[in-house]
Amino acid sequence: MIKYNPKLWFRHIFKIYKSDTLTILLPEILVVAFYTWGINFLLNKYFPDFNVKLFKNAFSIHTLVGFVMGLLLVFRTNTAYDRWWEGRKQWGALVNNTRHAAIKIQTLLPESKERTDFIQLIQAFPFTLKNHLRDKRNISELSISEEIKLQLNKFDHLPNGLISLMYQQLSKWKKSKEINEIDILLLDKEIKNFIDILGACERIKNTPIPFSYTLFIKKFIFFYVLTLPFGFIPDFGYWTIAVTTFVFYVFVSIELIA
């Protein structure tokens, strides 16, 4: 995530970032500019008397269609932001839950190897969840003992594996009566929260915006831009190249951001 100062307008406007849509879309923008130039050249050279009135009427159609497409893009952007915000809330809840669990363990139990191992399991959960959501499996980077790494490596689903190891240790403490029933319930609540956060993050990852909806918007923008020069050429001439590429950049950037 890029940290930035929202008050520095000109610095952000004129500085080029790798994630800037202008950088990403530059090849497509050049293709659209060349296509618009080609349409303009052909109409002016070979069809100088084409039906101007017909194409001027097409401009009003583009206005109506552009309004509808704007509504679709707004809906798409809002949906994408809701997904991002839900993910941010879940990650914030994970941070808080990790702190709660670690503090309770340190308070309820005397210092021991088992307590240290349990705290390491708690600390490893956010990193394991991050890698799991990115379809990565890297146990070696976790700050846990080699013994725990060997146990964790037996699980296909590493976040579930960490939670299982937590419950195993909790069960041992319960049987040895090192922790009373009330404290067990308090710790069980924190572990359950880990499961809920895991499920919520997996739901966000595994439920993308429907492919048919995304494909429809892409085709909608493509054909809209494809016909746009015919509506602008009677009024703007070769300036249509700049107008069409700008409209393409705006619409596709919004779709790309979403």
C-alpha atoms as a PDB file:
ATOM      1  CA  MET A   1       0.000   0.000   0.000  1.00  0.00           C
ATOM      2  CA  ILE A   2       1.397   3.395  -1.015  1.00  0.00           C
ATOM      3  CA  LYS A   3       1.478   6.001   1.753  1.00  0.00           C
ATOM      4  CA  TYR A   4       0.984   9.516   0.480  1.00  0.00           C
ATOM      5  CA  ASN A   5       0.050  13.056   1.479  1.00  0.00           C
ATOM      6  CA  PRO A   6      -3.324  13.904  -0.149  1.00  0.00           C
ATOM      7  CA  LYS A   7      -2.496  17.628   0.025  1.00  0.00           C
ATOM      8  CA  LEU A   8       0.450  17.382  -2.397  1.00  0.00           C
ATOM      9  CA  TRP A   9      -1.575  17.712  -5.602  1.00  0.00           C
ATOM     10  CA  PHE A  10       1.066  18.664  -8.148  1.00  0.00           C
ATOM     11  CA  ARG A  11       3.633  16.161  -6.902  1.00  0.00           C
ATOM     12  CA  HIS A  12       1.185  13.283  -7.389  1.00  0.00           C
ATOM     13  CA  ILE A  13      -0.120  14.613 -10.715  1.00  0.00           C
ATOM     14  CA  PHE A  14       3.261  14.892 -12.419  1.00  0.00           C
ATOM     15  CA  LYS A  15       5.047  11.964 -10.758  1.00  0.00           C
ATOM     16  CA  ILE A  16       4.695   8.661 -12.607  1.00  0.00           C
ATOM     17  CA  TYR A  17       4.072   5.567 -10.490  1.00  0.00           C
ATOM     18  CA  LYS A  18       4.234   1.938 -11.588  1.00  0.00           C
ATOM     19  CA  SER A  19       0.621   1.499 -10.507  1.00  0.00           C
ATOM     20  CA  ASP A  20      -0.504   4.608 -12.421  1.00  0.00           C
ATOM     21  CA  THR A  21      -3.203   3.669 -14.928  1.00  0.00           C
ATOM     22  CA  LEU A  22      -1.562   5.922 -17.531  1.00  0.00           C
ATOM     23  CA  THR A  23       1.569   3.762 -17.404  1.00  0.00           C
ATOM     24  CA  ILE A  24      -0.425   0.526 -17.518  1.00  0.00           C
ATOM     25  CA  LEU A  25      -2.721   1.643 -20.347  1.00  0.00           C
ATOM     26  CA  LEU A  26      -0.142   3.436 -22.501  1.00  0.00           C
ATOM     27  CA  PRO A  27      -0.009   0.745 -25.259  1.00  0.00           C
ATOM     28  CA  GLU A  28      -3.825   0.633 -25.476  1.00  0.00           C
ATOM     29  CA  ILE A  29      -4.025   4.448 -25.518  1.00  0.00           C
ATOM     30  CA  LEU A  30      -1.606   4.565 -28.459  1.00  0.00           C
ATOM     31  CA  VAL A  31      -3.672   1.954 -30.328  1.00  0.00           C
ATOM     32  CA  VAL A  32      -6.869   3.977 -29.785  1.00  0.00           C
ATOM     33  CA  ALA A  33      -5.109   7.169 -30.924  1.00  0.00           C
ATOM     34  CA  PHE A  34      -3.842   5.454 -34.080  1.00  0.00           C
ATOM     35  CA  TYR A  35      -7.289   3.950 -34.773  1.00  0.00           C
ATOM     36  CA  THR A  36      -8.967   7.362 -34.377  1.00  0.00           C
ATOM     37  CA  TRP A  37      -6.384   8.969 -36.654  1.00  0.00           C
ATOM     38  CA  GLY A  38      -7.012   6.245 -39.260  1.00  0.00           C
ATOM     39  CA  ILE A  39     -10.792   6.780 -39.199  1.00  0.00           C
ATOM     40  CA  ASN A  40     -10.290  10.534 -39.453  1.00  0.00           C
ATOM     41  CA  PHE A  41      -7.860  10.204 -42.349  1.00  0.00           C
ATOM     42  CA  LEU A  42     -10.071   7.796 -44.320  1.00  0.00           C
ATOM     43  CA  LEU A  43     -13.216   9.884 -43.907  1.00  0.00           C
ATOM     44  CA  ASN A  44     -11.504  13.149 -44.847  1.00  0.00           C
ATOM     45  CA  LYS A  45      -9.618  11.756 -47.840  1.00  0.00           C
ATOM     46  CA  TYR A  46     -11.941   9.174 -49.353  1.00  0.00           C
ATOM     47  CA  PHE A  47     -15.372  10.141 -47.991  1.00  0.00           C
ATOM     48  CA  PRO A  48     -15.352  13.943 -47.741  1.00  0.00           C
ATOM     49  CA  ASP A  49     -19.112  14.107 -48.344  1.00  0.00           C
ATOM     50  CA  PHE A  50     -20.190  11.531 -45.781  1.00  0.00           C
ATOM     51  CA  ASN A  51     -23.536  12.119 -44.064  1.00  0.00           C
ATOM     52  CA  VAL A  52     -22.614  14.742 -41.466  1.00  0.00           C
ATOM     53  CA  LYS A  53     -26.157  15.004 -40.144  1.00  0.00           C
ATOM     54  CA  LEU A  54     -26.341  11.262 -39.484  1.00  0.00           C
ATOM     55  CA  PHE A  55     -23.117  11.265 -37.477  1.00  0.00           C
ATOM     56  CA  LYS A  56     -24.119  14.390 -35.551  1.00  0.00           C
ATOM     57  CA  ASN A  57     -27.213  12.504 -34.399  1.00  0.00           C
ATOM     58  CA  ALA A  58     -24.916   9.698 -33.289  1.00  0.00           C
ATOM     59  CA  PHE A  59     -23.376  12.143 -30.802  1.00  0.00           C
ATOM     60  CA  SER A  60     -26.646  12.285 -28.831  1.00  0.00           C
ATOM     61  CA  ILE A  61     -26.721   8.487 -28.754  1.00  0.00           C
ATOM     62  CA  HIS A  62     -23.167   8.451 -27.387  1.00  0.00           C
ATOM     63  CA  THR A  63     -24.250  10.900 -24.684  1.00  0.00           C
ATOM     64  CA  LEU A  64     -27.069   8.611 -23.550  1.00  0.00           C
ATOM     65  CA  VAL A  65     -24.943   5.473 -23.699  1.00  0.00           C
ATOM     66  CA  GLY A  66     -22.118   7.260 -21.864  1.00  0.00           C
ATOM     67  CA  PHE A  67     -24.511   8.125 -19.032  1.00  0.00           C
ATOM     68  CA  VAL A  68     -25.572   4.484 -18.682  1.00  0.00           C
ATOM     69  CA  MET A  69     -21.951   3.331 -18.742  1.00  0.00           C
ATOM     70  CA  GLY A  70     -21.088   5.898 -16.079  1.00  0.00           C
ATOM     71  CA  LEU A  71     -23.717   4.380 -13.781  1.00  0.00           C
ATOM     72  CA  LEU A  72     -22.302   0.896 -14.374  1.00  0.00           C
ATOM     73  CA  LEU A  73     -18.764   2.056 -13.597  1.00  0.00           C
ATOM     74  CA  VAL A  74     -19.913   3.826 -10.418  1.00  0.00           C
ATOM     75  CA  PHE A  75     -21.599   0.619  -9.255  1.00  0.00           C
ATOM     76  CA  ARG A  76     -18.476  -1.381 -10.099  1.00  0.00           C
ATOM     77  CA  THR A  77     -16.219   1.071  -8.241  1.00  0.00           C
ATOM     78  CA  ASN A  78     -18.451   1.078  -5.156  1.00  0.00           C
ATOM     79  CA  THR A  79     -18.506  -2.720  -5.137  1.00  0.00           C
ATOM     80  CA  ALA A  80     -14.714  -2.890  -5.362  1.00  0.00           C
ATOM     81  CA  TYR A  81     -14.315  -0.335  -2.561  1.00  0.00           C
ATOM     82  CA  ASP A  82     -16.739  -2.265  -0.345  1.00  0.00           C
ATOM     83  CA  ARG A  83     -14.635  -5.395  -0.838  1.00  0.00           C
ATOM     84  CA  TRP A  84     -11.446  -3.474  -0.009  1.00  0.00           C
ATOM     85  CA  TRP A  85     -12.992  -1.897   3.091  1.00  0.00           C
ATOM     86  CA  GLU A  86     -14.331  -5.242   4.315  1.00  0.00           C
ATOM     87  CA  GLY A  87     -10.842  -6.718   3.941  1.00  0.00           C
ATOM     88  CA  ARG A  88      -9.341  -3.770   5.814  1.00  0.00           C
ATOM     89  CA  LYS A  89     -11.806  -4.220   8.685  1.00  0.00           C
ATOM     90  CA  GLN A  90     -11.039  -7.930   8.918  1.00  0.00           C
ATOM     91  CA  TRP A  91      -7.299  -7.283   8.997  1.00  0.00           C
ATOM     92  CA  GLY A  92      -7.777  -4.659  11.710  1.00  0.00           C
ATOM     93  CA  ALA A  93      -9.825  -7.170  13.700  1.00  0.00           C
ATOM     94  CA  LEU A  94      -7.015  -9.713  13.233  1.00  0.00           C
ATOM     95  CA  VAL A  95      -4.450  -7.288  14.684  1.00  0.00           C
ATOM     96  CA  ASN A  96      -6.648  -6.589  17.718  1.00  0.00           C
ATOM     97  CA  ASN A  97      -7.470 -10.252  18.258  1.00  0.00           C
ATOM     98  CA  THR A  98      -3.788 -11.201  18.078  1.00  0.00           C
ATOM     99  CA  ARG A  99      -2.989  -8.661  20.790  1.00  0.00           C
ATOM    100  CA  HIS A 100      -5.884  -9.804  22.983  1.00  0.00           C
ATOM    101  CA  ALA A 101      -4.884 -13.460  22.759  1.00  0.00           C
ATOM    102  CA  ALA A 102      -1.179 -12.809  23.443  1.00  0.00           C
ATOM    103  CA  ILE A 103      -1.915 -10.550  26.434  1.00  0.00           C
ATOM    104  CA  LYS A 104      -4.341 -13.079  27.957  1.00  0.00           C
ATOM    105  CA  ILE A 105      -1.852 -15.948  27.586  1.00  0.00           C
ATOM    106  CA  GLN A 106       0.929 -13.893  29.188  1.00  0.00           C
ATOM    107  CA  THR A 107      -1.369 -12.912  32.048  1.00  0.00           C
ATOM    108  CA  LEU A 108      -3.003 -16.266  32.762  1.00  0.00           C
ATOM    109  CA  LEU A 109       0.038 -18.540  32.548  1.00  0.00           C
ATOM    110  CA  PRO A 110       3.492 -18.479  34.132  1.00  0.00           C
ATOM    111  CA  GLU A 111       6.496 -18.312  31.863  1.00  0.00           C
ATOM    112  CA  SER A 112       7.175 -21.682  30.231  1.00  0.00           C
ATOM    113  CA  LYS A 113       8.105 -23.274  26.919  1.00  0.00           C
ATOM    114  CA  GLU A 114       4.442 -24.076  26.211  1.00  0.00           C
ATOM    115  CA  ARG A 115       3.418 -20.463  26.782  1.00  0.00           C
ATOM    116  CA  THR A 116       6.202 -19.229  24.472  1.00  0.00           C
ATOM    117  CA  ASP A 117       5.196 -21.725  21.778  1.00  0.00           C
ATOM    118  CA  PHE A 118       1.552 -20.650  22.030  1.00  0.00           C
ATOM    119  CA  ILE A 119       2.471 -16.981  21.650  1.00  0.00           C
ATOM    120  CA  GLN A 120       4.573 -17.899  18.604  1.00  0.00           C
ATOM    121  CA  LEU A 121       1.524 -19.611  17.106  1.00  0.00           C
ATOM    122  CA  ILE A 122      -0.470 -16.412  17.623  1.00  0.00           C
ATOM    123  CA  GLN A 123       2.267 -14.284  16.062  1.00  0.00           C
ATOM    124  CA  ALA A 124       2.561 -16.636  13.086  1.00  0.00           C
ATOM    125  CA  PHE A 125      -1.149 -16.581  12.253  1.00  0.00           C
ATOM    126  CA  PRO A 126      -1.265 -13.204  10.391  1.00  0.00           C
ATOM    127  CA  PHE A 127       1.754 -14.134   8.241  1.00  0.00           C
ATOM    128  CA  THR A 128       0.341 -17.586   7.524  1.00  0.00           C
ATOM    129  CA  LEU A 129      -3.042 -16.107   6.611  1.00  0.00           C
ATOM    130  CA  LYS A 130      -1.380 -13.573   4.284  1.00  0.00           C
ATOM    131  CA  ASN A 131       0.524 -16.310   2.440  1.00  0.00           C
ATOM    132  CA  HIS A 132      -2.555 -18.536   2.345  1.00  0.00           C
ATOM    133  CA  LEU A 133      -4.628 -15.800   0.680  1.00  0.00           C
ATOM    134  CA  ARG A 134      -1.840 -15.345  -1.885  1.00  0.00           C
ATOM    135  CA  ASP A 135      -1.658 -19.113  -2.515  1.00  0.00           C
ATOM    136  CA  LYS A 136       1.825 -19.296  -1.023  1.00  0.00           C
ATOM    137  CA  ARG A 137       3.235 -21.788   1.456  1.00  0.00           C
ATOM    138  CA  ASN A 138       6.403 -20.669   3.224  1.00  0.00           C
ATOM    139  CA  ILE A 139       6.746 -22.157   6.688  1.00  0.00           C
ATOM    140  CA  SER A 140      10.466 -21.332   6.875  1.00  0.00           C
ATOM    141  CA  GLU A 141       9.787 -17.580   7.243  1.00  0.00           C
ATOM    142  CA  LEU A 142       7.652 -18.073  10.367  1.00  0.00           C
ATOM    143  CA  SER A 143       9.188 -17.210  13.746  1.00  0.00           C
ATOM    144  CA  ILE A 144       8.302 -20.513  15.387  1.00  0.00           C
ATOM    145  CA  SER A 145      10.358 -23.393  16.736  1.00  0.00           C
ATOM    146  CA  GLU A 146      11.503 -26.219  14.474  1.00  0.00           C
ATOM    147  CA  GLU A 147       9.297 -28.613  16.420  1.00  0.00           C
ATOM    148  CA  ILE A 148       6.193 -26.563  15.614  1.00  0.00           C
ATOM    149  CA  LYS A 149       7.275 -26.218  11.971  1.00  0.00           C
ATOM    150  CA  LEU A 150       7.397 -30.006  11.652  1.00  0.00           C
ATOM    151  CA  GLN A 151       3.921 -30.320  13.166  1.00  0.00           C
ATOM    152  CA  LEU A 152       2.539 -27.513  11.005  1.00  0.00           C
ATOM    153  CA  ASN A 153       3.990 -29.007   7.825  1.00  0.00           C
ATOM    154  CA  LYS A 154       1.589 -31.951   8.179  1.00  0.00           C
ATOM    155  CA  PHE A 155      -1.376 -29.681   7.432  1.00  0.00           C
ATOM    156  CA  ASP A 156      -2.451 -28.754   3.905  1.00  0.00           C
ATOM    157  CA  HIS A 157      -4.338 -25.704   5.198  1.00  0.00           C
ATOM    158  CA  LEU A 158      -1.732 -23.849   7.287  1.00  0.00           C
ATOM    159  CA  PRO A 159      -4.034 -21.331   9.055  1.00  0.00           C
ATOM    160  CA  ASN A 160      -6.275 -24.219  10.125  1.00  0.00           C
ATOM    161  CA  GLY A 161      -3.131 -26.059  11.189  1.00  0.00           C
ATOM    162  CA  LEU A 162      -2.091 -23.221  13.493  1.00  0.00           C
ATOM    163  CA  ILE A 163      -5.564 -23.090  15.023  1.00  0.00           C
ATOM    164  CA  SER A 164      -5.523 -26.872  15.543  1.00  0.00           C
ATOM    165  CA  LEU A 165      -2.179 -26.630  17.354  1.00  0.00           C
ATOM    166  CA  MET A 166      -3.608 -23.849  19.539  1.00  0.00           C
ATOM    167  CA  TYR A 167      -6.578 -26.016  20.505  1.00  0.00           C
ATOM    168  CA  GLN A 168      -4.304 -28.992  21.195  1.00  0.00           C
ATOM    169  CA  GLN A 169      -2.259 -26.937  23.633  1.00  0.00           C
ATOM    170  CA  LEU A 170      -5.402 -25.465  25.175  1.00  0.00           C
ATOM    171  CA  SER A 171      -6.716 -28.999  25.722  1.00  0.00           C
ATOM    172  CA  LYS A 172      -3.475 -30.002  27.485  1.00  0.00           C
ATOM    173  CA  TRP A 173      -3.711 -27.014  29.828  1.00  0.00           C
ATOM    174  CA  LYS A 174      -7.330 -27.864  30.561  1.00  0.00           C
ATOM    175  CA  LYS A 175      -6.529 -31.493  31.406  1.00  0.00           C
ATOM    176  CA  SER A 176      -3.591 -30.500  33.614  1.00  0.00           C
ATOM    177  CA  LYS A 177      -5.820 -27.829  35.221  1.00  0.00           C
ATOM    178  CA  GLU A 178      -3.215 -25.127  34.652  1.00  0.00           C
ATOM    179  CA  ILE A 179      -6.089 -22.948  33.426  1.00  0.00           C
ATOM    180  CA  ASN A 180      -9.591 -22.942  34.901  1.00  0.00           C
ATOM    181  CA  GLU A 181     -12.812 -23.302  32.907  1.00  0.00           C
ATOM    182  CA  ILE A 182     -13.551 -19.567  32.767  1.00  0.00           C
ATOM    183  CA  ASP A 183     -10.108 -18.732  31.386  1.00  0.00           C
ATOM    184  CA  ILE A 184     -10.441 -21.562  28.861  1.00  0.00           C
ATOM    185  CA  LEU A 185     -13.648 -19.963  27.594  1.00  0.00           C
ATOM    186  CA  LEU A 186     -11.895 -16.590  27.300  1.00  0.00           C
ATOM    187  CA  LEU A 187      -9.094 -18.076  25.211  1.00  0.00           C
ATOM    188  CA  ASP A 188     -11.532 -20.159  23.169  1.00  0.00           C
ATOM    189  CA  LYS A 189     -13.309 -16.935  22.199  1.00  0.00           C
ATOM    190  CA  GLU A 190     -10.064 -15.476  20.811  1.00  0.00           C
ATOM    191  CA  ILE A 191      -9.283 -18.623  18.813  1.00  0.00           C
ATOM    192  CA  LYS A 192     -12.840 -18.666  17.461  1.00  0.00           C
ATOM    193  CA  ASN A 193     -12.304 -15.069  16.298  1.00  0.00           C
ATOM    194  CA  PHE A 194      -9.261 -16.257  14.334  1.00  0.00           C
ATOM    195  CA  ILE A 195     -11.494 -18.788  12.555  1.00  0.00           C
ATOM    196  CA  ASP A 196     -14.132 -16.145  11.787  1.00  0.00           C
ATOM    197  CA  ILE A 197     -11.533 -13.756  10.348  1.00  0.00           C
ATOM    198  CA  LEU A 198     -10.011 -16.561   8.276  1.00  0.00           C
ATOM    199  CA  GLY A 199     -13.420 -17.442   6.855  1.00  0.00           C
ATOM    200  CA  ALA A 200     -14.254 -13.811   6.057  1.00  0.00           C
ATOM    201  CA  CYS A 201     -10.947 -13.272   4.227  1.00  0.00           C
ATOM    202  CA  GLU A 202     -11.393 -16.479   2.232  1.00  0.00           C
ATOM    203  CA  ARG A 203     -14.919 -15.386   1.310  1.00  0.00           C
ATOM    204  CA  ILE A 204     -13.623 -12.083  -0.082  1.00  0.00           C
ATOM    205  CA  LYS A 205     -10.872 -13.846  -2.027  1.00  0.00           C
ATOM    206  CA  ASN A 206     -13.063 -16.623  -3.427  1.00  0.00           C
ATOM    207  CA  THR A 207     -15.995 -14.385  -4.395  1.00  0.00           C
ATOM    208  CA  PRO A 208     -14.707 -11.988  -7.063  1.00  0.00           C
ATOM    209  CA  ILE A 209     -16.929  -9.696  -9.091  1.00  0.00           C
ATOM    210  CA  PRO A 210     -18.819 -11.994 -11.543  1.00  0.00           C
ATOM    211  CA  PHE A 211     -16.852 -12.605 -14.724  1.00  0.00           C
ATOM    212  CA  SER A 212     -19.887 -11.976 -16.952  1.00  0.00           C
ATOM    213  CA  TYR A 213     -20.364  -8.535 -15.392  1.00  0.00           C
ATOM    214  CA  THR A 214     -16.694  -7.629 -15.808  1.00  0.00           C
ATOM    215  CA  LEU A 215     -16.649  -8.914 -19.389  1.00  0.00           C
ATOM    216  CA  PHE A 216     -19.799  -6.961 -20.252  1.00  0.00           C
ATOM    217  CA  ILE A 217     -18.300  -3.672 -19.037  1.00  0.00           C
ATOM    218  CA  LYS A 218     -15.087  -4.279 -20.995  1.00  0.00           C
ATOM    219  CA  LYS A 219     -17.028  -4.994 -24.189  1.00  0.00           C
ATOM    220  CA  PHE A 220     -19.314  -2.030 -23.518  1.00  0.00           C
ATOM    221  CA  ILE A 221     -16.347   0.346 -23.237  1.00  0.00           C
ATOM    222  CA  PHE A 222     -14.611  -1.203 -26.255  1.00  0.00           C
ATOM    223  CA  PHE A 223     -17.538  -0.774 -28.651  1.00  0.00           C
ATOM    224  CA  TYR A 224     -18.386   2.645 -27.225  1.00  0.00           C
ATOM    225  CA  VAL A 225     -14.861   3.933 -27.899  1.00  0.00           C
ATOM    226  CA  LEU A 226     -14.816   2.154 -31.267  1.00  0.00           C
ATOM    227  CA  THR A 227     -17.801   4.203 -32.489  1.00  0.00           C
ATOM    228  CA  LEU A 228     -16.885   7.419 -30.684  1.00  0.00           C
ATOM    229  CA  PRO A 229     -14.790   8.969 -33.522  1.00  0.00           C
ATOM    230  CA  PHE A 230     -17.788   8.914 -35.876  1.00  0.00           C
ATOM    231  CA  GLY A 231     -19.740  11.129 -33.502  1.00  0.00           C
ATOM    232  CA  PHE A 232     -16.920  13.615 -32.855  1.00  0.00           C
ATOM    233  CA  ILE A 233     -15.265  13.956 -36.284  1.00  0.00           C
ATOM    234  CA  PRO A 234     -17.919  16.317 -37.778  1.00  0.00           C
ATOM    235  CA  ASP A 235     -17.308  18.849 -34.994  1.00  0.00           C
ATOM    236  CA  PHE A 236     -13.725  18.296 -33.870  1.00  0.00           C
ATOM    237  CA  GLY A 237     -11.877  17.001 -36.925  1.00  0.00           C
ATOM    238  CA  TYR A 238      -8.406  15.792 -36.003  1.00  0.00           C
ATOM    239  CA  TRP A 239      -8.953  16.975 -32.426  1.00  0.00           C
ATOM    240  CA  THR A 240     -11.118  13.861 -32.201  1.00  0.00           C
ATOM    241  CA  ILE A 241      -7.894  11.909 -31.603  1.00  0.00           C
ATOM    242  CA  ALA A 242      -7.283  13.737 -28.319  1.00  0.00           C
ATOM    243  CA  VAL A 243     -10.940  13.608 -27.265  1.00  0.00           C
ATOM    244  CA  THR A 244     -11.362   9.885 -27.970  1.00  0.00           C
ATOM    245  CA  THR A 245      -8.126   8.843 -26.270  1.00  0.00           C
ATOM    246  CA  PHE A 246      -9.026  10.957 -23.229  1.00  0.00           C
ATOM    247  CA  VAL A 247     -12.490   9.383 -22.956  1.00  0.00           C
ATOM    248  CA  PHE A 248     -10.921   5.932 -23.372  1.00  0.00           C
ATOM    249  CA  TYR A 249      -8.342   6.684 -20.674  1.00  0.00           C
ATOM    250  CA  VAL A 250     -10.980   7.899 -18.189  1.00  0.00           C
ATOM    251  CA  PHE A 251     -13.431   5.014 -18.650  1.00  0.00           C
ATOM    252  CA  VAL A 252     -10.853   2.239 -18.758  1.00  0.00           C
ATOM    253  CA  SER A 253      -8.937   3.709 -15.791  1.00  0.00           C
ATOM    254  CA  ILE A 254     -12.093   3.664 -13.671  1.00  0.00           C
ATOM    255  CA  GLU A 255     -12.778   0.074 -14.725  1.00  0.00           C
ATOM    256  CA  LEU A 256      -9.163  -0.915 -14.047  1.00  0.00           C
ATOM    257  CA  ILE A 257      -9.118   0.701 -10.603  1.00  0.00           C
ATOM    258  CA  ALA A 258     -12.351  -1.092  -9.717  1.00  0.00           C
END
